[in-house]
């Protein structure tokens, strides 16, 4: 039923596994490696089709300096933080409350309300492009950070609620019953009993949502335009001019844009893994 651990397989298979795994990892990371290599090359290497060869000159410091001094990349990064952090806080906060309500209380419409949250995750987001854009125009939220934050919170709350509801249902219900017997108010049960137990799930969910929102490109170009509101994923395209594209600067900007989610994961790695594996072993 379960795959055999690699330690229990034959010596031939173990050697093959240990040989193929690094190759598969390199193949998977190949696009990122290509971007990293090109970010330290001069612009002329692209015109000379020197994609994988040794750089004709090392321009890493110049390229990365130009990303911050010769473009609006600092503003785009600031916009991404303004969009991502409130979205993570809003979506996780709402999902903690909705997850608690759907996971603890039993009422007739419970499962149907839960299905409504889950159903939103199965809707292809491309078909929402026109109505969401029209809605933001009517509400005066088009091309604003606030509009993008509100949309992301609304769109991510369904997945977050699914995550939190299932996590809360796995908690020992006896703790809640004991608190009720002692006459503790429901909001105090949520705040002092359930919420402290949800810290691993909150950490794991925060890392996931941070990565989702930071890397979003589709809604960034649909709902925003211009330096004042676009996040870094859309801002990288500003290195394109009318007749040519500065691919060396785009590569350097892409590496810079990828650093915050990576740093977020490593900072929260222990809590992230604990949140994903909690309850997997009795």
Protein backbone atom coordinates (compact mmCIF):
# COMPACT_ATOMS: atom_id res chain seq x y z
CA UNK A 1 0.00 0.00 0.00
CA UNK A 2 2.87 2.37 0.82
CA UNK A 3 6.09 2.73 -1.20
CA UNK A 4 9.10 0.82 0.09
CA UNK A 5 11.64 3.06 1.89
CA UNK A 6 14.75 3.61 -0.18
CA UNK A 7 16.90 2.11 2.60
CA UNK A 8 15.15 -1.26 2.15
CA UNK A 9 15.55 -1.49 -1.62
CA UNK A 10 18.36 -3.22 -3.51
CA UNK A 11 21.81 -1.70 -3.77
CA UNK A 12 21.38 -1.19 -7.53
CA UNK A 13 18.19 0.80 -7.03
CA UNK A 14 19.73 2.90 -4.25
CA UNK A 15 22.69 3.83 -6.44
CA UNK A 16 20.38 4.65 -9.35
CA UNK A 17 18.20 6.75 -7.07
CA UNK A 18 21.17 8.66 -5.64
CA UNK A 19 22.48 9.29 -9.14
CA UNK A 20 19.21 10.36 -10.77
CA UNK A 21 17.98 12.56 -7.93
CA UNK A 22 20.67 15.28 -8.35
CA UNK A 23 20.16 15.20 -12.13
CA UNK A 24 16.41 15.63 -11.73
CA UNK A 25 16.99 18.48 -9.28
CA UNK A 26 19.35 20.25 -11.69
CA UNK A 27 16.87 19.79 -14.54
CA UNK A 28 14.07 21.23 -12.40
CA UNK A 29 16.23 24.21 -11.39
CA UNK A 30 17.60 24.76 -14.91
CA UNK A 31 15.38 27.80 -15.75
CA UNK A 32 16.33 29.48 -12.48
CA UNK A 33 20.00 28.68 -13.06
CA UNK A 34 19.76 30.22 -16.53
CA UNK A 35 18.22 33.40 -15.11
CA UNK A 36 20.88 33.60 -12.40
CA UNK A 37 23.69 33.17 -14.95
CA UNK A 38 22.28 35.77 -17.31
CA UNK A 39 21.81 38.28 -14.46
CA UNK A 40 25.62 38.65 -14.20
CA UNK A 41 26.28 38.92 -17.95
CA UNK A 42 26.53 42.08 -20.04
CA UNK A 43 23.74 42.99 -22.41
CA UNK A 44 25.91 42.14 -25.43
CA UNK A 45 25.96 38.43 -24.52
CA UNK A 46 22.29 38.11 -25.38
CA UNK A 47 22.78 39.77 -28.75
CA UNK A 48 25.69 37.39 -29.43
CA UNK A 49 23.57 34.34 -28.44
CA UNK A 50 25.84 33.60 -25.49
CA UNK A 51 23.08 32.10 -23.34
CA UNK A 52 24.89 29.29 -21.54
CA UNK A 53 28.51 30.16 -22.11
CA UNK A 54 30.90 31.88 -19.74
CA UNK A 55 30.15 35.62 -19.40
CA UNK A 56 32.30 37.78 -21.66
CA UNK A 57 32.61 40.07 -18.64
CA UNK A 58 31.23 39.89 -15.11
CA UNK A 59 28.60 42.60 -14.74
CA UNK A 60 26.78 41.27 -11.67
CA UNK A 61 27.38 44.31 -9.45
CA UNK A 62 26.52 46.70 -12.28
CA UNK A 63 23.33 44.88 -13.24
CA UNK A 64 22.00 44.57 -9.70
CA UNK A 65 22.94 48.18 -8.94
CA UNK A 66 21.04 49.33 -12.03
CA UNK A 67 17.98 47.35 -10.92
CA UNK A 68 17.75 49.54 -7.81
CA UNK A 69 19.18 52.83 -9.07
CA UNK A 70 18.18 52.90 -12.74
CA UNK A 71 14.58 51.73 -12.46
CA UNK A 72 11.50 51.86 -10.25
CA UNK A 73 12.23 48.44 -8.73
CA UNK A 74 12.33 49.79 -5.12
CA UNK A 75 8.80 51.16 -5.55
CA UNK A 76 7.59 47.92 -7.10
CA UNK A 77 9.06 45.95 -4.18
CA UNK A 78 7.38 48.31 -1.72
CA UNK A 79 4.07 47.86 -3.55
CA UNK A 80 4.43 44.08 -3.31
CA UNK A 81 4.91 44.29 0.45
CA UNK A 82 1.93 46.67 0.73
CA UNK A 83 -0.19 44.15 -1.17
CA UNK A 84 1.10 40.88 0.26
CA UNK A 85 1.31 41.59 3.99
CA UNK A 86 -2.27 42.98 4.41
CA UNK A 87 -3.58 40.13 2.26
CA UNK A 88 -1.90 37.50 4.42
CA UNK A 89 -3.17 39.13 7.61
CA UNK A 90 -6.71 39.56 6.26
CA UNK A 91 -7.09 36.12 4.70
CA UNK A 92 -5.59 34.24 7.67
CA UNK A 93 -7.63 36.25 10.20
CA UNK A 94 -10.91 35.63 8.38
CA UNK A 95 -10.14 31.97 7.82
CA UNK A 96 -9.35 31.44 11.51
CA UNK A 97 -12.81 32.71 12.42
CA UNK A 98 -14.69 30.95 9.62
CA UNK A 99 -12.72 27.76 10.22
CA UNK A 100 -13.62 27.90 13.91
CA UNK A 101 -17.31 28.45 13.14
CA UNK A 102 -17.50 25.67 10.55
CA UNK A 103 -15.28 23.28 12.46
CA UNK A 104 -16.81 23.62 15.94
CA UNK A 105 -20.47 24.54 15.57
CA UNK A 106 -23.03 22.11 14.17
CA UNK A 107 -25.97 23.57 12.27
CA UNK A 108 -28.00 22.58 9.22
CA UNK A 109 -26.31 24.79 6.64
CA UNK A 110 -22.80 24.06 7.92
CA UNK A 111 -21.76 21.70 5.14
CA UNK A 112 -23.37 23.85 2.43
CA UNK A 113 -21.59 26.98 3.58
CA UNK A 114 -18.36 25.00 3.67
CA UNK A 115 -19.01 23.79 0.11
CA UNK A 116 -19.48 27.40 -1.00
CA UNK A 117 -16.03 28.28 0.33
CA UNK A 118 -14.49 25.23 -1.33
CA UNK A 119 -16.36 25.67 -4.64
CA UNK A 120 -14.66 29.00 -5.24
CA UNK A 121 -11.33 27.21 -5.56
CA UNK A 122 -12.62 25.24 -8.56
CA UNK A 123 -13.63 28.31 -10.57
CA UNK A 124 -11.03 29.11 -13.28
CA UNK A 125 -9.81 32.56 -12.32
CA UNK A 126 -9.45 33.60 -15.97
CA UNK A 127 -13.24 33.75 -16.41
CA UNK A 128 -13.41 36.26 -13.55
CA UNK A 129 -11.11 38.72 -15.29
CA UNK A 130 -13.76 40.89 -16.97
CA UNK A 131 -16.39 41.00 -14.16
CA UNK A 132 -13.76 41.64 -11.46
CA UNK A 133 -12.16 44.39 -13.51
CA UNK A 134 -15.55 46.02 -14.17
CA UNK A 135 -16.40 45.77 -10.47
CA UNK A 136 -13.20 47.52 -9.43
CA UNK A 137 -13.89 50.26 -11.99
CA UNK A 138 -17.42 50.79 -10.65
CA UNK A 139 -16.18 50.91 -7.06
CA UNK A 140 -13.30 53.24 -7.87
CA UNK A 141 -10.73 50.64 -6.82
CA UNK A 142 -9.12 50.01 -10.19
CA UNK A 143 -5.37 50.62 -10.27
CA UNK A 144 -5.18 50.85 -6.48
CA UNK A 145 -3.34 48.74 -3.93
CA UNK A 146 -6.52 48.60 -1.84
CA UNK A 147 -8.51 47.04 -4.67
CA UNK A 148 -5.89 44.37 -5.27
CA UNK A 149 -5.65 43.59 -1.55
CA UNK A 150 -9.42 43.26 -1.17
CA UNK A 151 -9.65 40.97 -4.19
CA UNK A 152 -6.84 38.72 -3.00
CA UNK A 153 -8.36 38.46 0.48
CA UNK A 154 -11.73 37.50 -0.99
CA UNK A 155 -10.21 35.00 -3.42
CA UNK A 156 -7.83 33.36 -0.91
CA UNK A 157 -10.29 33.08 1.98
CA UNK A 158 -11.91 29.97 0.48
CA UNK A 159 -8.70 27.96 0.42
CA UNK A 160 -7.66 29.30 3.82
CA UNK A 161 -11.03 28.33 5.31
CA UNK A 162 -10.69 24.80 3.93
CA UNK A 163 -7.23 24.56 5.50
CA UNK A 164 -8.24 25.98 8.89
CA UNK A 165 -11.55 24.14 9.18
CA UNK A 166 -9.92 20.76 8.64
CA UNK A 167 -7.14 21.64 11.07
CA UNK A 168 -9.57 22.69 13.81
CA UNK A 169 -11.68 19.57 13.37
CA UNK A 170 -8.55 17.51 14.11
CA UNK A 171 -8.05 19.22 17.48
CA UNK A 172 -9.30 17.47 20.66
CA UNK A 173 -12.91 18.59 21.03
CA UNK A 174 -12.76 17.70 24.74
CA UNK A 175 -10.80 20.90 25.36
CA UNK A 176 -13.65 23.01 24.02
CA UNK A 177 -16.25 21.02 25.96
CA UNK A 178 -14.25 21.40 29.17
CA UNK A 179 -14.06 25.16 28.65
CA UNK A 180 -17.81 25.35 28.06
CA UNK A 181 -18.48 23.38 31.24
CA UNK A 182 -16.41 25.98 33.12
CA UNK A 183 -18.65 28.71 31.68
CA UNK A 184 -16.06 30.25 29.37
CA UNK A 185 -17.53 32.50 26.67
CA UNK A 186 -17.28 31.31 23.07
CA UNK A 187 -15.00 34.13 22.00
CA UNK A 188 -12.68 33.34 24.91
CA UNK A 189 -12.64 29.68 23.87
CA UNK A 190 -11.58 30.76 20.40
CA UNK A 191 -8.97 33.23 21.66
CA UNK A 192 -7.45 31.36 24.60
CA UNK A 193 -8.05 27.68 23.77
CA UNK A 194 -8.25 27.14 20.02
CA UNK A 195 -6.08 29.95 18.62
CA UNK A 196 -2.90 28.99 20.53
CA UNK A 197 -3.22 25.45 19.15
CA UNK A 198 -3.54 26.86 15.63
CA UNK A 199 -0.13 28.56 15.58
CA UNK A 200 1.56 25.86 13.42
CA UNK A 201 -1.34 25.99 10.94
CA UNK A 202 -1.28 29.80 10.90
CA UNK A 203 2.47 29.78 10.19
CA UNK A 204 2.14 27.22 7.39
CA UNK A 205 -0.80 29.03 5.83
CA UNK A 206 0.94 32.40 6.07
CA UNK A 207 3.94 31.07 4.13
CA UNK A 208 1.70 29.59 1.44
CA UNK A 209 -0.43 32.71 1.00
CA UNK A 210 2.62 34.99 1.08
CA UNK A 211 4.13 32.96 -1.77
CA UNK A 212 0.86 32.85 -3.75
CA UNK A 213 0.26 36.59 -3.55
CA UNK A 214 3.86 37.70 -3.99
CA UNK A 215 4.24 35.61 -7.17
CA UNK A 216 0.89 36.63 -8.65
CA UNK A 217 1.25 38.13 -12.11
CA UNK A 218 -2.16 37.68 -13.73
CA UNK A 219 -4.20 39.90 -11.41
CA UNK A 220 -1.31 42.33 -11.06
CA UNK A 221 -1.60 43.28 -14.74
CA UNK A 222 -5.42 42.99 -14.86
CA UNK A 223 -6.23 45.23 -11.88
CA UNK A 224 -3.25 47.61 -11.78
CA UNK A 225 -1.08 49.64 -14.09
CA UNK A 226 1.74 52.03 -13.43
CA UNK A 227 4.44 52.44 -10.82
CA UNK A 228 2.13 53.68 -8.06
CA UNK A 229 0.28 50.38 -7.62
CA UNK A 230 1.85 47.52 -9.58
CA UNK A 231 3.76 44.82 -7.66
CA UNK A 232 7.23 43.64 -8.55
CA UNK A 233 6.06 40.71 -10.72
CA UNK A 234 4.45 43.15 -13.13
CA UNK A 235 7.10 45.80 -12.64
CA UNK A 236 9.86 43.59 -14.02
CA UNK A 237 8.39 44.09 -17.49
CA UNK A 238 9.27 47.79 -17.21
CA UNK A 239 12.73 46.82 -18.41
CA UNK A 240 11.16 46.28 -21.84
CA UNK A 241 11.42 49.31 -24.09
CA UNK A 242 9.80 49.97 -27.45
CA UNK A 243 12.53 48.39 -29.59
CA UNK A 244 14.50 46.14 -27.26
CA UNK A 245 14.38 44.43 -23.88
CA UNK A 246 17.07 44.57 -21.20
CA UNK A 247 17.06 40.86 -20.46
CA UNK A 248 20.11 41.06 -18.22
CA UNK A 249 18.28 43.56 -16.01
CA UNK A 250 15.08 41.54 -16.16
CA UNK A 251 17.03 38.50 -14.98
CA UNK A 252 18.60 40.44 -12.11
CA UNK A 253 15.20 41.87 -11.19
CA UNK A 254 13.67 38.40 -11.22
CA UNK A 255 16.30 37.13 -8.78
CA UNK A 256 15.66 40.10 -6.49
CA UNK A 257 11.89 39.52 -6.68
CA UNK A 258 12.32 35.84 -5.78
CA UNK A 259 14.31 36.51 -2.60
CA UNK A 260 11.48 37.58 -0.20
CA UNK A 261 9.41 34.37 -0.57
CA UNK A 262 12.55 32.26 -0.22
CA UNK A 263 13.57 34.20 2.90
CA UNK A 264 10.02 33.87 4.26
CA UNK A 265 10.12 30.10 3.82
CA UNK A 266 13.49 29.64 5.51
CA UNK A 267 12.53 31.91 8.40
CA UNK A 268 9.28 29.99 8.96
CA UNK A 269 10.55 26.58 7.85
CA UNK A 270 10.23 24.89 11.24
CA UNK A 271 6.68 26.17 11.79
CA UNK A 272 5.73 25.49 8.17
CA UNK A 273 6.73 21.81 8.32
CA UNK A 274 5.12 21.41 11.75
CA UNK A 275 1.86 22.86 10.46
CA UNK A 276 1.75 20.56 7.43
CA UNK A 277 2.64 17.38 9.36
CA UNK A 278 0.71 17.97 12.59
CA UNK A 279 -1.70 15.09 13.08
CA UNK A 280 0.07 12.86 10.57
CA UNK A 281 1.41 10.67 13.36
CA UNK A 282 -0.45 9.68 16.50
